[in-house]
C-alpha atoms as a PDB file:
ATOM      1  CA  ARG A   1     -12.750  43.558 -90.425  1.00  0.00           C
ATOM      2  CA  SER A   2      -9.630  43.916 -92.598  1.00  0.00           C
ATOM      3  CA  ALA A   3      -7.311  43.241 -89.648  1.00  0.00           C
ATOM      4  CA  LEU A   4      -9.337  40.141 -88.739  1.00  0.00           C
ATOM      5  CA  LEU A   5      -9.070  38.873 -92.310  1.00  0.00           C
ATOM      6  CA  VAL A   6      -5.299  39.382 -92.296  1.00  0.00           C
ATOM      7  CA  ALA A   7      -4.921  37.749 -88.867  1.00  0.00           C
ATOM      8  CA  LEU A   8      -7.044  34.727 -89.830  1.00  0.00           C
ATOM      9  CA  ALA A   9      -5.666  34.314 -93.344  1.00  0.00           C
ATOM     10  CA  ALA A  10      -2.707  32.108 -92.427  1.00  0.00           C
ATOM     11  CA  GLY A  11      -4.837  29.548 -90.556  1.00  0.00           C
ATOM     12  CA  ALA A  12      -8.136  29.811 -92.419  1.00  0.00           C
ATOM     13  CA  PRO A  13      -9.226  26.825 -94.556  1.00  0.00           C
ATOM     14  CA  GLY A  14      -8.972  27.180 -98.298  1.00  0.00           C
ATOM     15  CA  VAL A  15     -11.915  28.533-100.230  1.00  0.00           C
ATOM     16  CA  GLY A  16     -14.647  25.895-100.323  1.00  0.00           C
ATOM     17  CA  MET A  17     -12.687  23.435 -98.139  1.00  0.00           C
ATOM     18  CA  ALA A  18     -14.087  24.205 -94.666  1.00  0.00           C
ATOM     19  CA  PRO A  19     -16.688  21.915 -93.047  1.00  0.00           C
ATOM     20  CA  GLY A  20     -20.087  23.452 -92.369  1.00  0.00           C
ATOM     21  CA  GLY A  21     -19.620  23.615 -88.584  1.00  0.00           C
ATOM     22  CA  ASP A  22     -16.283  25.445 -88.675  1.00  0.00           C
ATOM     23  CA  HIS A  23     -16.909  28.719 -86.809  1.00  0.00           C
ATOM     24  CA  VAL A  24     -13.651  30.292 -88.006  1.00  0.00           C
ATOM     25  CA  ALA A  25     -14.545  29.540 -91.604  1.00  0.00           C
ATOM     26  CA  ALA A  26     -18.028  30.995 -91.046  1.00  0.00           C
ATOM     27  CA  LEU A  27     -16.494  34.189 -89.668  1.00  0.00           C
ATOM     28  CA  VAL A  28     -14.115  34.393 -92.622  1.00  0.00           C
ATOM     29  CA  ARG A  29     -17.013  33.994 -95.052  1.00  0.00           C
ATOM     30  CA  ARG A  30     -18.874  36.874 -93.393  1.00  0.00           C
ATOM     31  CA  LEU A  31     -15.760  39.058 -93.454  1.00  0.00           C
ATOM     32  CA  ARG A  32     -15.147  38.251 -97.124  1.00  0.00           C
ATOM     33  CA  GLY A  33     -18.703  39.191 -97.970  1.00  0.00           C
ATOM     34  CA  SER A  34     -18.263  42.487 -96.169  1.00  0.00           C
ATOM     35  CA  GLY A  35     -15.017  43.052 -98.053  1.00  0.00           C
ATOM     36  CA  TRP A  36     -16.665  42.383-101.400  1.00  0.00           C
ATOM     37  CA  SER A  37     -19.336  45.001-100.692  1.00  0.00           C
ATOM     38  CA  ALA A  38     -16.586  47.555 -99.990  1.00  0.00           C
ATOM     39  CA  VAL A  39     -15.893  47.800-103.734  1.00  0.00           C
ATOM     40  CA  GLY A  40     -18.945  50.035-103.869  1.00  0.00           C
ATOM     41  CA  THR A  41     -19.096  51.489-100.360  1.00  0.00           C
ATOM     42  CA  GLU A  42     -15.436  52.473 -99.826  1.00  0.00           C
ATOM     43  CA  ALA A  43     -14.532  53.725-103.306  1.00  0.00           C
ATOM     44  CA  SER A  44     -13.433  57.128-101.972  1.00  0.00           C
ATOM     45  CA  ARG A  45     -11.189  55.746 -99.178  1.00  0.00           C
ATOM     46  CA  PRO A  46      -7.977  54.268-100.642  1.00  0.00           C
ATOM     47  CA  THR A  47      -6.459  53.278 -97.294  1.00  0.00           C
ATOM     48  CA  VAL A  48      -9.561  51.254 -96.376  1.00  0.00           C
ATOM     49  CA  MET A  49      -9.519  49.588 -99.819  1.00  0.00           C
ATOM     50  CA  ALA A  50      -5.835  48.728 -99.349  1.00  0.00           C
ATOM     51  CA  ARG A  51      -6.502  47.088 -95.967  1.00  0.00           C
ATOM     52  CA  LEU A  52      -9.352  45.004 -97.387  1.00  0.00           C
ATOM     53  CA  ALA A  53      -7.352  44.087-100.497  1.00  0.00           C
ATOM     54  CA  ALA A  54      -4.599  42.717 -98.255  1.00  0.00           C
ATOM     55  CA  GLY A  55      -7.052  40.549 -96.307  1.00  0.00           C
ATOM     56  CA  LEU A  56      -8.941  39.258 -99.334  1.00  0.00           C
ATOM     57  CA  LEU A  57      -5.817  38.476-101.362  1.00  0.00           C
ATOM     58  CA  LEU A  58      -4.134  36.704 -98.454  1.00  0.00           C
ATOM     59  CA  LEU A  59      -7.153  34.389 -98.342  1.00  0.00           C
ATOM     60  CA  ASP A  60      -7.251  33.902-102.107  1.00  0.00           C
ATOM     61  CA  ARG A  61      -4.992  35.749-104.534  1.00  0.00           C
ATOM     62  CA  ARG A  62      -7.563  35.082-107.286  1.00  0.00           C
ATOM     63  CA  ASP A  63     -10.235  37.058-105.415  1.00  0.00           C
ATOM     64  CA  ALA A  64     -11.766  39.412-108.003  1.00  0.00           C
ATOM     65  CA  ALA A  65     -12.978  41.980-105.459  1.00  0.00           C
ATOM     66  CA  GLY A  66      -9.578  41.954-103.761  1.00  0.00           C
ATOM     67  CA  ARG A  67      -7.853  42.636-107.074  1.00  0.00           C
ATOM     68  CA  GLN A  68     -10.286  45.436-107.863  1.00  0.00           C
ATOM     69  CA  LEU A  69      -9.751  47.033-104.453  1.00  0.00           C
ATOM     70  CA  PHE A  70      -5.985  46.725-104.943  1.00  0.00           C
ATOM     71  CA  GLU A  71      -6.060  48.475-108.337  1.00  0.00           C
ATOM     72  CA  ARG A  72      -8.267  51.292-107.055  1.00  0.00           C
ATOM     73  CA  ALA A  73      -6.035  51.864-104.025  1.00  0.00           C
ATOM     74  CA  ARG A  74      -2.920  51.689-106.183  1.00  0.00           C
ATOM     75  CA  ALA A  75      -4.326  54.423-108.439  1.00  0.00           C
ATOM     76  CA  ALA A  76      -4.440  56.767-105.415  1.00  0.00           C
ATOM     77  CA  LEU A  77      -0.691  56.482-104.688  1.00  0.00           C
ATOM     78  CA  ALA A  78       1.116  59.819-104.651  1.00  0.00           C
ATOM     79  CA  PRO A  79       4.907  60.401-104.702  1.00  0.00           C
ATOM     80  CA  THR A  80       6.567  61.718-101.543  1.00  0.00           C
ATOM     81  CA  GLU A  81       9.505  64.086-101.213  1.00  0.00           C
ATOM     82  CA  HIS A  82      11.801  61.041-101.511  1.00  0.00           C
ATOM     83  CA  GLY A  83      10.001  59.795-104.626  1.00  0.00           C
ATOM     84  CA  ASP A  84       8.463  56.807-102.826  1.00  0.00           C
ATOM     85  CA  PRO A  85       4.728  56.168-103.351  1.00  0.00           C
ATOM     86  CA  LEU A  86       2.420  56.721-100.393  1.00  0.00           C
ATOM     87  CA  LEU A  87      -1.347  56.566 -99.950  1.00  0.00           C
ATOM     88  CA  PRO A  88      -3.103  59.705 -98.705  1.00  0.00           C
ATOM     89  CA  GLY A  89      -4.702  59.128 -95.320  1.00  0.00           C
ATOM     90  CA  ASP A  90      -8.280  59.786 -94.365  1.00  0.00           C
ATOM     91  CA  GLN A  91      -8.700  63.465 -93.442  1.00  0.00           C
ATOM     92  CA  GLY A  92      -5.004  64.021 -94.105  1.00  0.00           C
ATOM     93  CA  SER A  93      -3.855  61.597 -91.384  1.00  0.00           C
ATOM     94  CA  ALA A  94      -0.213  60.609 -91.942  1.00  0.00           C
ATOM     95  CA  LEU A  95      -0.661  57.536 -89.718  1.00  0.00           C
ATOM     96  CA  ASP A  96      -3.671  56.298 -91.701  1.00  0.00           C
ATOM     97  CA  GLY A  97      -1.747  56.793 -94.934  1.00  0.00           C
ATOM     98  CA  TRP A  98       1.200  54.830 -93.532  1.00  0.00           C
ATOM     99  CA  ILE A  99      -1.030  51.928 -92.444  1.00  0.00           C
ATOM    100  CA  GLY A 100      -2.762  51.862 -95.825  1.00  0.00           C
ATOM    101  CA  THR A 101       0.597  51.826 -97.629  1.00  0.00           C
ATOM    102  CA  ALA A 102       1.794  48.885 -95.506  1.00  0.00           C
ATOM    103  CA  ALA A 103      -1.432  47.015 -96.307  1.00  0.00           C
ATOM    104  CA  LEU A 104      -1.072  47.742-100.025  1.00  0.00           C
ATOM    105  CA  ALA A 105       2.485  46.364 -99.897  1.00  0.00           C
ATOM    106  CA  ILE A 106       1.127  43.099 -98.443  1.00  0.00           C
ATOM    107  CA  ALA A 107      -1.404  42.910-101.273  1.00  0.00           C
ATOM    108  CA  ALA A 108       1.288  43.642-103.872  1.00  0.00           C
ATOM    109  CA  ARG A 109       3.399  40.729-102.597  1.00  0.00           C
ATOM    110  CA  GLN A 110       0.380  38.418-102.941  1.00  0.00           C
ATOM    111  CA  LEU A 111       0.008  39.469-106.587  1.00  0.00           C
ATOM    112  CA  ASP A 112       3.749  38.995-107.253  1.00  0.00           C
ATOM    113  CA  GLN A 113       4.120  42.707-108.000  1.00  0.00           C
ATOM    114  CA  ASP A 114       7.451  42.728-106.233  1.00  0.00           C
ATOM    115  CA  GLU A 115       8.823  45.923-107.769  1.00  0.00           C
ATOM    116  CA  LEU A 116       5.843  47.886-106.445  1.00  0.00           C
ATOM    117  CA  ALA A 117       6.026  46.045-103.112  1.00  0.00           C
ATOM    118  CA  ASP A 118       9.706  47.013-102.760  1.00  0.00           C
ATOM    119  CA  ARG A 119       8.926  50.680-103.437  1.00  0.00           C
ATOM    120  CA  LEU A 120       6.068  50.616-100.921  1.00  0.00           C
ATOM    121  CA  ALA A 121       8.326  48.890 -98.385  1.00  0.00           C
ATOM    122  CA  ARG A 122      10.846  51.738 -98.697  1.00  0.00           C
ATOM    123  CA  ALA A 123       8.076  54.276 -98.109  1.00  0.00           C
ATOM    124  CA  VAL A 124       6.916  52.370 -95.022  1.00  0.00           C
ATOM    125  CA  ALA A 125      10.467  52.006 -93.709  1.00  0.00           C
ATOM    126  CA  ARG A 126      11.255  55.728 -94.094  1.00  0.00           C
ATOM    127  CA  ARG A 127       8.255  56.498 -91.867  1.00  0.00           C
ATOM    128  CA  LEU A 128       8.740  53.740 -89.339  1.00  0.00           C
ATOM    129  CA  TYR A 129       8.371  56.305 -86.555  1.00  0.00           C
ATOM    130  CA  LEU A 130       4.645  56.377 -87.356  1.00  0.00           C
ATOM    131  CA  GLY A 131       4.270  52.681 -86.532  1.00  0.00           C
ATOM    132  CA  MET A 132       6.600  52.498 -83.544  1.00  0.00           C
ATOM    133  CA  GLU A 133       5.154  53.620 -80.203  1.00  0.00           C
ATOM    134  CA  SER A 134       1.858  54.408 -81.896  1.00  0.00           C
ATOM    135  CA  THR A 135      -1.597  52.811 -81.900  1.00  0.00           C
ATOM    136  CA  GLU A 136      -2.391  49.104 -81.638  1.00  0.00           C
ATOM    137  CA  GLU A 137      -3.596  49.162 -85.242  1.00  0.00           C
ATOM    138  CA  ALA A 138      -0.277  50.575 -86.458  1.00  0.00           C
ATOM    139  CA  ALA A 139       1.644  47.925 -84.507  1.00  0.00           C
ATOM    140  CA  PHE A 140      -0.569  45.189 -86.007  1.00  0.00           C
ATOM    141  CA  TRP A 141       0.025  46.285 -89.599  1.00  0.00           C
ATOM    142  CA  LEU A 142       3.762  46.665 -89.016  1.00  0.00           C
ATOM    143  CA  LEU A 143       3.912  43.089 -87.691  1.00  0.00           C
ATOM    144  CA  ALA A 144       1.687  41.851 -90.519  1.00  0.00           C
ATOM    145  CA  ALA A 145       3.896  43.521 -93.131  1.00  0.00           C
ATOM    146  CA  SER A 146       6.937  41.854 -91.620  1.00  0.00           C
ATOM    147  CA  ALA A 147       5.261  38.436 -91.284  1.00  0.00           C
ATOM    148  CA  TYR A 148       3.956  38.430 -94.859  1.00  0.00           C
ATOM    149  CA  GLY A 149       7.277  39.321 -96.447  1.00  0.00           C
ATOM    150  CA  VAL A 150       6.928  43.012 -97.266  1.00  0.00           C
ATOM    151  CA  PHE A 151      10.512  43.647 -96.099  1.00  0.00           C
ATOM    152  CA  GLY A 152      11.862  40.363 -97.479  1.00  0.00           C
ATOM    153  CA  ALA A 153      11.749  36.766 -96.328  1.00  0.00           C
ATOM    154  CA  LEU A 154      15.274  36.044 -95.101  1.00  0.00           C
ATOM    155  CA  ALA A 155      17.428  38.050 -92.717  1.00  0.00           C
ATOM    156  CA  PRO A 156      21.246  38.066 -92.974  1.00  0.00           C
ATOM    157  CA  ALA A 157      23.247  36.461 -90.181  1.00  0.00           C
ATOM    158  CA  ALA A 158      25.289  39.644 -89.711  1.00  0.00           C
ATOM    159  CA  VAL A 159      25.781  43.125 -91.141  1.00  0.00           C
ATOM    160  CA  GLN A 160      28.754  45.426 -91.402  1.00  0.00           C
ATOM    161  CA  VAL A 161      28.304  48.817 -89.730  1.00  0.00           C
ATOM    162  CA  ALA A 162      30.715  51.720 -90.211  1.00  0.00           C
ATOM    163  CA  ILE A 163      30.558  54.554 -87.672  1.00  0.00           C
ATOM    164  CA  ASP A 164      32.634  57.527 -88.813  1.00  0.00           C
ATOM    165  CA  GLY A 165      34.813  55.117 -90.760  1.00  0.00           C
ATOM    166  CA  ALA A 166      35.326  52.594 -87.929  1.00  0.00           C
ATOM    167  CA  ALA A 167      34.061  49.154 -89.026  1.00  0.00           C
ATOM    168  CA  HIS A 168      31.985  46.870 -86.795  1.00  0.00           C
ATOM    169  CA  ARG A 169      30.509  43.422 -87.478  1.00  0.00           C
ATOM    170  CA  LEU A 170      27.049  43.180 -85.932  1.00  0.00           C
ATOM    171  CA  GLU A 171      25.646  39.675 -85.426  1.00  0.00           C
ATOM    172  CA  LEU A 172      21.867  39.415 -85.762  1.00  0.00           C
ATOM    173  CA  ALA A 173      19.789  37.220 -83.450  1.00  0.00           C
ATOM    174  CA  GLY A 174      16.353  36.524 -84.857  1.00  0.00           C
ATOM    175  CA  GLY A 175      17.044  39.137 -87.492  1.00  0.00           C
ATOM    176  CA  VAL A 176      17.721  41.876 -84.930  1.00  0.00           C
ATOM    177  CA  GLY A 177      20.933  43.436 -83.627  1.00  0.00           C
ATOM    178  CA  VAL A 178      21.730  46.473 -81.483  1.00  0.00           C
ATOM    179  CA  LEU A 179      24.977  48.456 -81.629  1.00  0.00           C
ATOM    180  CA  PRO A 180      25.644  51.325 -79.174  1.00  0.00           C
ATOM    181  CA  LEU A 181      26.837  54.562 -80.750  1.00  0.00           C
ATOM    182  CA  PRO A 182      29.490  56.756 -79.152  1.00  0.00           C
ATOM    183  CA  ALA A 183      28.432  60.134 -77.786  1.00  0.00           C
ATOM    184  CA  ALA A 184      29.011  62.775 -80.461  1.00  0.00           C
ATOM    185  CA  ARG A 185      27.513  65.894 -81.937  1.00  0.00           C
ATOM    186  CA  ARG A 186      27.003  63.974 -85.165  1.00  0.00           C
ATOM    187  CA  ALA A 187      28.015  60.618 -86.583  1.00  0.00           C
ATOM    188  CA  ARG A 188      27.971  59.094 -90.065  1.00  0.00           C
ATOM    189  CA  VAL A 189      26.551  55.572 -89.931  1.00  0.00           C
ATOM    190  CA  ILE A 190      26.695  53.216 -92.940  1.00  0.00           C
ATOM    191  CA  VAL A 191      25.111  49.747 -92.883  1.00  0.00           C
ATOM    192  CA  ASP A 192      26.262  47.182 -95.477  1.00  0.00           C
ATOM    193  CA  ALA A 193      24.098  44.055 -95.524  1.00  0.00           C
ATOM    194  CA  GLY A 194      24.091  42.954 -99.162  1.00  0.00           C
ATOM    195  CA  GLN A 195      20.280  43.089 -99.057  1.00  0.00           C
ATOM    196  CA  PRO A 196      17.629  45.517 -97.785  1.00  0.00           C
ATOM    197  CA  VAL A 197      17.547  45.944 -93.997  1.00  0.00           C
ATOM    198  CA  LEU A 198      15.849  48.355 -91.626  1.00  0.00           C
ATOM    199  CA  ALA A 199      18.281  50.585 -89.736  1.00  0.00           C
ATOM    200  CA  ARG A 200      16.911  52.700 -86.885  1.00  0.00           C
ATOM    201  CA  VAL A 201      18.912  55.166 -84.806  1.00  0.00           C
ATOM    202  CA  GLU A 202      17.712  56.150 -81.344  1.00  0.00           C
ATOM    203  CA  SER A 203      19.428  59.222 -79.977  1.00  0.00           C
ATOM    204  CA  ARG A 204      18.982  61.712 -77.178  1.00  0.00           C
ATOM    205  CA  ALA A 205      19.714  65.326 -78.023  1.00  0.00           C
ATOM    206  CA  ILE A 206      20.136  68.156 -75.550  1.00  0.00           C
ATOM    207  CA  GLN A 207      19.355  71.579 -76.959  1.00  0.00           C
ATOM    208  CA  PRO A 208      18.300  74.976 -75.624  1.00  0.00           C
ATOM    209  CA  ALA A 209      14.609  75.738 -75.308  1.00  0.00           C
ATOM    210  CA  ARG A 210      13.094  77.226 -78.426  1.00  0.00           C
ATOM    211  CA  ALA A 211       9.648  77.283 -79.990  1.00  0.00           C
ATOM    212  CA  GLU A 212       9.244  76.070 -83.571  1.00  0.00           C
ATOM    213  CA  ARG A 213       6.198  77.318 -85.458  1.00  0.00           C
ATOM    214  CA  CYS A 214       6.070  74.140 -87.518  1.00  0.00           C
ATOM    215  CA  ALA A 215       5.294  72.146 -84.366  1.00  0.00           C
ATOM    216  CA  GLY A 216       1.999  74.018 -84.179  1.00  0.00           C
ATOM    217  CA  LEU A 217       1.809  73.704 -80.378  1.00  0.00           C
ATOM    218  CA  THR A 218       2.590  75.634 -77.248  1.00  0.00           C
ATOM    219  CA  ALA A 219       2.692  74.211 -73.717  1.00  0.00           C
ATOM    220  CA  GLN A 220       3.139  75.638 -70.236  1.00  0.00           C
ATOM    221  CA  VAL A 221       2.650  74.786 -66.568  1.00  0.00           C
ATOM    222  CA  ALA A 222       0.255  77.015 -64.617  1.00  0.00           C
ATOM    223  CA  GLY A 223      -1.346  76.988 -61.176  1.00  0.00           C
ATOM    224  CA  HIS A 224      -0.339  76.913 -57.518  1.00  0.00           C
ATOM    225  CA  VAL A 225       2.938  75.264 -56.500  1.00  0.00           C
ATOM    226  CA  GLY A 226       1.936  74.370 -52.943  1.00  0.00           C
ATOM    227  CA  HIS A 227       4.187  73.212 -50.117  1.00  0.00           C
ATOM    228  CA  VAL A 228       6.488  70.311 -49.365  1.00  0.00           C
ATOM    229  CA  GLY A 229       4.473  67.179 -48.616  1.00  0.00           C
ATOM    230  CA  ASP A 230       1.444  68.586 -50.461  1.00  0.00           C
ATOM    231  CA  THR A 231       0.092  67.821 -53.913  1.00  0.00           C
ATOM    232  CA  ALA A 232       0.578  70.824 -56.183  1.00  0.00           C
ATOM    233  CA  ALA A 233      -2.462  72.378 -57.874  1.00  0.00           C
ATOM    234  CA  LEU A 234      -0.670  72.623 -61.213  1.00  0.00           C
ATOM    235  CA  GLU A 235      -2.093  72.367 -64.713  1.00  0.00           C
ATOM    236  CA  LEU A 236      -0.533  71.419 -68.010  1.00  0.00           C
ATOM    237  CA  VAL A 237      -1.895  73.896 -70.584  1.00  0.00           C
ATOM    238  CA  VAL A 238      -1.575  72.845 -74.238  1.00  0.00           C
ATOM    239  CA  GLU A 239      -2.773  74.931 -77.159  1.00  0.00           C
ATOM    240  CA  SER A 240      -2.621  74.639 -80.932  1.00  0.00           C
ATOM    241  CA  LEU A 241      -1.231  77.764 -82.544  1.00  0.00           C
ATOM    242  CA  GLY A 242      -2.671  78.095 -86.029  1.00  0.00           C
ATOM    243  CA  GLY A 243      -4.238  75.054 -87.648  1.00  0.00           C
ATOM    244  CA  ALA A 244      -5.374  71.732 -86.248  1.00  0.00           C
ATOM    245  CA  VAL A 245      -2.843  69.238 -84.850  1.00  0.00           C
ATOM    246  CA  ALA A 246      -3.651  65.607 -85.624  1.00  0.00           C
ATOM    247  CA  ARG A 247      -1.677  63.755 -82.931  1.00  0.00           C
ATOM    248  CA  PRO A 248      -0.314  66.157 -80.308  1.00  0.00           C
ATOM    249  CA  VAL A 249       2.237  64.845 -77.827  1.00  0.00           C
ATOM    250  CA  VAL A 250       3.613  66.675 -74.789  1.00  0.00           C
ATOM    251  CA  GLU A 251       6.726  65.416 -73.009  1.00  0.00           C
ATOM    252  CA  VAL A 252       7.101  66.431 -69.370  1.00  0.00           C
ATOM    253  CA  LEU A 253      10.453  65.998 -67.614  1.00  0.00           C
ATOM    254  CA  LEU A 254       9.430  65.688 -63.979  1.00  0.00           C
ATOM    255  CA  PRO A 255      11.493  67.484 -61.303  1.00  0.00           C
ATOM    256  CA  SER A 256      13.649  65.180 -59.185  1.00  0.00           C
ATOM    257  CA  ALA A 257      12.060  66.602 -56.021  1.00  0.00           C
ATOM    258  CA  ALA A 258       8.553  65.644 -57.140  1.00  0.00           C
ATOM    259  CA  ALA A 259       6.671  62.349 -57.032  1.00  0.00           C
ATOM    260  CA  PHE A 260       4.140  61.387 -59.701  1.00  0.00           C
ATOM    261  CA  PRO A 261       2.483  58.162 -58.481  1.00  0.00           C
ATOM    262  CA  GLU A 262       0.814  55.601 -60.714  1.00  0.00           C
ATOM    263  CA  ALA A 263      -2.618  56.660 -59.493  1.00  0.00           C
ATOM    264  CA  ALA A 264      -1.932  60.190 -60.759  1.00  0.00           C
ATOM    265  CA  ARG A 265      -0.881  58.853 -64.168  1.00  0.00           C
ATOM    266  CA  LEU A 266      -4.049  56.755 -64.474  1.00  0.00           C
ATOM    267  CA  ALA A 267      -6.196  59.720 -63.449  1.00  0.00           C
ATOM    268  CA  LEU A 268      -4.506  61.893 -66.073  1.00  0.00           C
ATOM    269  CA  ALA A 269      -4.973  59.182 -68.724  1.00  0.00           C
ATOM    270  CA  GLY A 270      -8.696  59.135 -67.978  1.00  0.00           C
ATOM    271  CA  ARG A 271      -9.225  62.842 -68.608  1.00  0.00           C
ATOM    272  CA  PRO A 272     -11.226  63.962 -71.674  1.00  0.00           C
ATOM    273  CA  GLY A 273      -8.978  64.725 -74.613  1.00  0.00           C
ATOM    274  CA  VAL A 274      -6.180  62.378 -73.450  1.00  0.00           C
ATOM    275  CA  GLN A 275      -5.461  59.324 -75.581  1.00  0.00           C
ATOM    276  CA  ARG A 276      -2.895  57.733 -73.269  1.00  0.00           C
ATOM    277  CA  VAL A 277      -0.099  58.578 -70.818  1.00  0.00           C
ATOM    278  CA  ASP A 278       3.087  56.515 -70.921  1.00  0.00           C
ATOM    279  CA  PRO A 279       4.687  55.696 -67.545  1.00  0.00           C
ATOM    280  CA  PRO A 280       7.709  57.886 -66.713  1.00  0.00           C
ATOM    281  CA  ASP A 281      11.004  56.406 -67.876  1.00  0.00           C
ATOM    282  CA  GLY A 282      14.197  56.197 -65.838  1.00  0.00           C
ATOM    283  CA  ARG A 283      14.891  59.910 -66.379  1.00  0.00           C
ATOM    284  CA  GLY A 284      11.419  60.894 -65.193  1.00  0.00           C
ATOM    285  CA  LEU A 285      10.168  61.698 -68.705  1.00  0.00           C
ATOM    286  CA  LEU A 286       6.376  61.530 -68.895  1.00  0.00           C
ATOM    287  CA  ARG A 287       4.844  61.369 -72.391  1.00  0.00           C
ATOM    288  CA  VAL A 288       1.234  62.555 -72.734  1.00  0.00           C
ATOM    289  CA  HIS A 289      -0.556  61.630 -75.989  1.00  0.00           C
ATOM    290  CA  LEU A 290      -3.608  63.764 -76.754  1.00  0.00           C
ATOM    291  CA  TRP A 291      -6.466  63.409 -79.183  1.00  0.00           C
ATOM    292  CA  ALA A 292      -6.527  65.877 -82.072  1.00  0.00           C
ATOM    293  CA  LEU A 293      -6.623  69.587 -81.314  1.00  0.00           C
ATOM    294  CA  GLY A 294      -8.621  71.967 -83.492  1.00  0.00           C
ATOM    295  CA  ALA A 295      -7.324  75.344 -84.607  1.00  0.00           C
ATOM    296  CA  ARG A 296      -6.588  77.567 -81.581  1.00  0.00           C
ATOM    297  CA  GLU A 297      -7.985  74.902 -79.243  1.00  0.00           C
ATOM    298  CA  GLN A 298      -6.705  74.794 -75.675  1.00  0.00           C
ATOM    299  CA  ARG A 299      -6.618  71.792 -73.361  1.00  0.00           C
ATOM    300  CA  ARG A 300      -5.970  72.082 -69.601  1.00  0.00           C
ATOM    301  CA  LEU A 301      -4.906  68.946 -67.736  1.00  0.00           C
ATOM    302  CA  PRO A 302      -4.096  68.409 -64.053  1.00  0.00           C
ATOM    303  CA  LEU A 303      -0.456  67.788 -63.156  1.00  0.00           C
ATOM    304  CA  PRO A 304      -0.662  66.626 -59.516  1.00  0.00           C
ATOM    305  CA  LEU A 305       2.984  66.564 -58.449  1.00  0.00           C
ATOM    306  CA  ARG A 306       3.713  65.775 -54.809  1.00  0.00           C
ATOM    307  CA  TRP A 307       6.720  67.664 -53.467  1.00  0.00           C
ATOM    308  CA  LEU A 308       9.313  65.626 -51.580  1.00  0.00           C
ATOM    309  CA  ALA A 309      11.618  68.521 -50.667  1.00  0.00           C
ATOM    310  CA  ALA A 310      11.442  72.268 -50.140  1.00  0.00           C
ATOM    311  CA  GLY A 311      13.534  74.938 -51.833  1.00  0.00           C
ATOM    312  CA  VAL A 312      14.003  76.780 -55.099  1.00  0.00           C
ATOM    313  CA  MET A 313      14.044  74.296 -57.965  1.00  0.00           C
ATOM    314  CA  THR A 314      13.611  73.970 -61.689  1.00  0.00           C
ATOM    315  CA  GLY A 315      10.059  73.094 -62.635  1.00  0.00           C
ATOM    316  CA  PRO A 316       8.888  70.587 -65.247  1.00  0.00           C
ATOM    317  CA  ALA A 317      10.618  70.931 -68.607  1.00  0.00           C
ATOM    318  CA  LEU A 318       8.207  70.660 -71.542  1.00  0.00           C
ATOM    319  CA  ALA A 319       8.432  69.712 -75.200  1.00  0.00           C
ATOM    320  CA  ALA A 320       5.537  69.454 -77.657  1.00  0.00           C
ATOM    321  CA  TYR A 321       5.156  68.093 -81.180  1.00  0.00           C
ATOM    322  CA  ASP A 322       2.784  66.438 -83.616  1.00  0.00           C
ATOM    323  CA  ALA A 323       3.509  62.689 -83.714  1.00  0.00           C
ATOM    324  CA  ASP A 324       2.981  62.809 -87.491  1.00  0.00           C
ATOM    325  CA  ARG A 325       6.040  65.150 -87.667  1.00  0.00           C
ATOM    326  CA  PRO A 326       8.130  64.398 -84.567  1.00  0.00           C
ATOM    327  CA  TRP A 327      11.261  66.034 -85.980  1.00  0.00           C
ATOM    328  CA  CYS A 328       9.609  69.458 -85.653  1.00  0.00           C
ATOM    329  CA  LEU A 329       9.604  69.946 -81.897  1.00  0.00           C
ATOM    330  CA  SER A 330       9.160  72.937 -79.624  1.00  0.00           C
ATOM    331  CA  ALA A 331      10.993  72.948 -76.284  1.00  0.00           C
ATOM    332  CA  PHE A 332       9.945  75.374 -73.575  1.00  0.00           C
ATOM    333  CA  PRO A 333      12.031  76.829 -70.744  1.00  0.00           C
ATOM    334  CA  SER A 334      11.616  75.276 -67.317  1.00  0.00           C
ATOM    335  CA  PRO A 335      10.013  77.625 -64.795  1.00  0.00           C
ATOM    336  CA  THR A 336      11.747  78.340 -61.488  1.00  0.00           C
ATOM    337  CA  LEU A 337       9.524  77.175 -58.631  1.00  0.00           C
ATOM    338  CA  THR A 338       9.778  77.897 -54.927  1.00  0.00           C
ATOM    339  CA  VAL A 339       8.443  75.109 -52.752  1.00  0.00           C
ATOM    340  CA  GLY A 340       8.126  76.244 -49.167  1.00  0.00           C
ATOM    341  CA  GLN A 341       7.492  74.512 -45.885  1.00  0.00           C
ATOM    342  CA  ARG A 342       3.882  74.014 -44.937  1.00  0.00           C
ATOM    343  CA  PRO A 343       2.787  76.886 -42.648  1.00  0.00           C
ATOM    344  CA  GLU A 344       2.436  75.923 -39.021  1.00  0.00           C
ATOM    345  CA  GLU A 345      -1.177  75.788 -37.891  1.00  0.00           C
ATOM    346  CA  ARG A 346      -1.990  77.768 -34.745  1.00  0.00           C
ATOM    347  CA  TRP A 347      -5.194  77.641 -32.809  1.00  0.00           C
ATOM    348  CA  ARG A 348      -6.382  80.553 -30.681  1.00  0.00           C
END
């Protein structure tokens, strides 16, 4: 309901201005009524109140219920390790807290509380990884925050970028620019725009396999390898180590001698406990997103690779992490697999 209010706010008629037969206006009235009742029903859920406050205040910044929801959600803000305010998510969900904070920033802009909106925008920007490549709801609120001015209204035509002291002028098209970074063990990147901008670095790191306890996950490949031309009877076994893991992700680097057709990906995506499976990228990296794992819970999933060649080869390389904390990642050694020729059938 809150997302619908936000989506319809820009084109909805003003309060009291819509003709009686306007179906959009009728829907907005029903959604507003539901939002008003949330003052009493959602008092213990600050992220829900923030979402509804954004929708109600976008429709009418004088809305009394919207202002009340905003103040109650604002009172639940807690400082992060960087000092930025962030809403606690339902059941400790970092993603829910991030979405609620983005919604509260939209509401703050509507109330001309720009200092608070700027602080919330910094908190959202520092955790942009939660909104990128995440759920449809996260993508919606990220777009809504951008469209309704949370990160500012005007983009510069260009920015100055210094990479290890070397200066580059980066032209922005539609507010966006991409600058390749040189390969290096580390690089110091400074962006000078004269106004707030979002800077995101995408990098690929190669490191030896090692398990990190903070990832809270272990993963391995088990089962029967099979023969060339056959489909392997392999399983991907994922287990939480100590506590629950909210958004487990397993990355599988497929062997070059194995095929993983689209039908296999769709079948894997339809298994219980699987949220979605991203198609393999150009390197053969398959990303499997799982629903939450409880403490010491194990999930076994089929990995039907079809072998294209025989021989001794390196098996699938695995990495596992919680998408709420993707910097804490466990990488596991690739098993050595022997794929033999299919035995010749003989009839007697």
